């Protein structure tokens, strides 16, 4: 039981990293135009939140493309 839970957390985190790194480098500009001028420090601070909230980020991505 615990092994399955740990495996699920690991998979969730792995998908989070796969989504968060490209979003922190380029995709954040789609959500907030002011983020285009964000520094590397800003992007590093946003990275953990993007890792944890990756399902919400992916859900909002099509809406951000339309605006």
C-alpha atoms as a PDB file:
ATOM      1  CA  UNK A   1       0.000   0.000   0.000  1.00  0.00           C
ATOM      2  CA  UNK A   2       2.701   2.505   0.963  1.00  0.00           C
ATOM      3  CA  UNK A   3       4.802   1.528  -2.028  1.00  0.00           C
ATOM      4  CA  UNK A   4       1.894   2.260  -4.360  1.00  0.00           C
ATOM      5  CA  UNK A   5       1.331   5.650  -2.765  1.00  0.00           C
ATOM      6  CA  UNK A   6       5.005   6.559  -3.048  1.00  0.00           C
ATOM      7  CA  UNK A   7       5.022   5.422  -6.678  1.00  0.00           C
ATOM      8  CA  UNK A   8       1.964   7.575  -7.403  1.00  0.00           C
ATOM      9  CA  UNK A   9       3.583  10.626  -5.783  1.00  0.00           C
ATOM     10  CA  UNK A  10       6.745  10.000  -7.799  1.00  0.00           C
ATOM     11  CA  UNK A  11       4.805   9.759 -11.075  1.00  0.00           C
ATOM     12  CA  UNK A  12       2.821  12.908 -10.229  1.00  0.00           C
ATOM     13  CA  UNK A  13       6.069  14.750  -9.483  1.00  0.00           C
ATOM     14  CA  UNK A  14       7.724  13.474 -12.653  1.00  0.00           C
ATOM     15  CA  UNK A  15       4.832  14.731 -14.779  1.00  0.00           C
ATOM     16  CA  UNK A  16       4.969  17.967 -12.813  1.00  0.00           C
ATOM     17  CA  UNK A  17       8.634  18.479 -13.670  1.00  0.00           C
ATOM     18  CA  UNK A  18       7.988  17.653 -17.337  1.00  0.00           C
ATOM     19  CA  UNK A  19       5.275  20.318 -17.461  1.00  0.00           C
ATOM     20  CA  UNK A  20       6.859  22.897 -15.151  1.00  0.00           C
ATOM     21  CA  UNK A  21      10.273  23.312 -16.750  1.00  0.00           C
ATOM     22  CA  UNK A  22       8.998  24.357 -20.207  1.00  0.00           C
ATOM     23  CA  UNK A  23       6.280  26.471 -18.593  1.00  0.00           C
ATOM     24  CA  UNK A  24       8.778  28.282 -16.384  1.00  0.00           C
ATOM     25  CA  UNK A  25      11.110  28.929 -19.299  1.00  0.00           C
ATOM     26  CA  UNK A  26       8.609  30.024 -21.960  1.00  0.00           C
ATOM     27  CA  UNK A  27       4.979  29.237 -21.224  1.00  0.00           C
ATOM     28  CA  UNK A  28       4.450  31.563 -18.276  1.00  0.00           C
ATOM     29  CA  UNK A  29       4.371  34.433 -20.773  1.00  0.00           C
ATOM     30  CA  UNK A  30       1.055  33.096 -22.108  1.00  0.00           C
ATOM     31  CA  UNK A  31      -0.630  33.509 -18.729  1.00  0.00           C
ATOM     32  CA  UNK A  32       0.851  36.846 -17.748  1.00  0.00           C
ATOM     33  CA  UNK A  33       2.411  39.230 -20.277  1.00  0.00           C
ATOM     34  CA  UNK A  34       4.372  40.926 -17.468  1.00  0.00           C
ATOM     35  CA  UNK A  35       6.137  37.608 -16.863  1.00  0.00           C
ATOM     36  CA  UNK A  36       7.899  37.994 -20.213  1.00  0.00           C
ATOM     37  CA  UNK A  37      10.270  40.377 -18.459  1.00  0.00           C
ATOM     38  CA  UNK A  38      10.663  38.075 -15.449  1.00  0.00           C
ATOM     39  CA  UNK A  39      14.175  37.214 -14.350  1.00  0.00           C
ATOM     40  CA  UNK A  40      15.638  33.773 -13.852  1.00  0.00           C
ATOM     41  CA  UNK A  41      15.019  34.187 -10.117  1.00  0.00           C
ATOM     42  CA  UNK A  42      11.316  34.775 -10.738  1.00  0.00           C
ATOM     43  CA  UNK A  43      11.118  31.657 -12.871  1.00  0.00           C
ATOM     44  CA  UNK A  44      12.940  29.568 -10.257  1.00  0.00           C
ATOM     45  CA  UNK A  45      10.546  30.780  -7.575  1.00  0.00           C
ATOM     46  CA  UNK A  46       7.556  29.857  -9.775  1.00  0.00           C
ATOM     47  CA  UNK A  47       8.926  26.378 -10.554  1.00  0.00           C
ATOM     48  CA  UNK A  48       7.794  24.528  -7.360  1.00  0.00           C
ATOM     49  CA  UNK A  49       4.276  25.893  -7.708  1.00  0.00           C
ATOM     50  CA  UNK A  50       4.152  24.814 -11.327  1.00  0.00           C
ATOM     51  CA  UNK A  51       5.344  21.322 -10.374  1.00  0.00           C
ATOM     52  CA  UNK A  52       2.595  20.909  -7.783  1.00  0.00           C
ATOM     53  CA  UNK A  53      -0.185  22.551  -9.788  1.00  0.00           C
ATOM     54  CA  UNK A  54       0.632  21.079 -13.203  1.00  0.00           C
ATOM     55  CA  UNK A  55      -2.902  19.720 -13.858  1.00  0.00           C
ATOM     56  CA  UNK A  56      -4.358  23.208 -13.383  1.00  0.00           C
ATOM     57  CA  UNK A  57      -1.637  24.727 -15.556  1.00  0.00           C
ATOM     58  CA  UNK A  58      -2.413  22.307 -18.375  1.00  0.00           C
ATOM     59  CA  UNK A  59      -6.153  22.942 -17.994  1.00  0.00           C
ATOM     60  CA  UNK A  60      -5.649  26.706 -18.374  1.00  0.00           C
ATOM     61  CA  UNK A  61      -3.207  26.456 -21.277  1.00  0.00           C
ATOM     62  CA  UNK A  62      -5.850  26.288 -24.061  1.00  0.00           C
ATOM     63  CA  UNK A  63      -7.701  29.253 -22.529  1.00  0.00           C
ATOM     64  CA  UNK A  64      -4.473  31.273 -22.404  1.00  0.00           C
ATOM     65  CA  UNK A  65      -3.817  30.565 -26.078  1.00  0.00           C
ATOM     66  CA  UNK A  66      -7.187  32.019 -27.044  1.00  0.00           C
ATOM     67  CA  UNK A  67      -6.692  35.332 -25.271  1.00  0.00           C
END
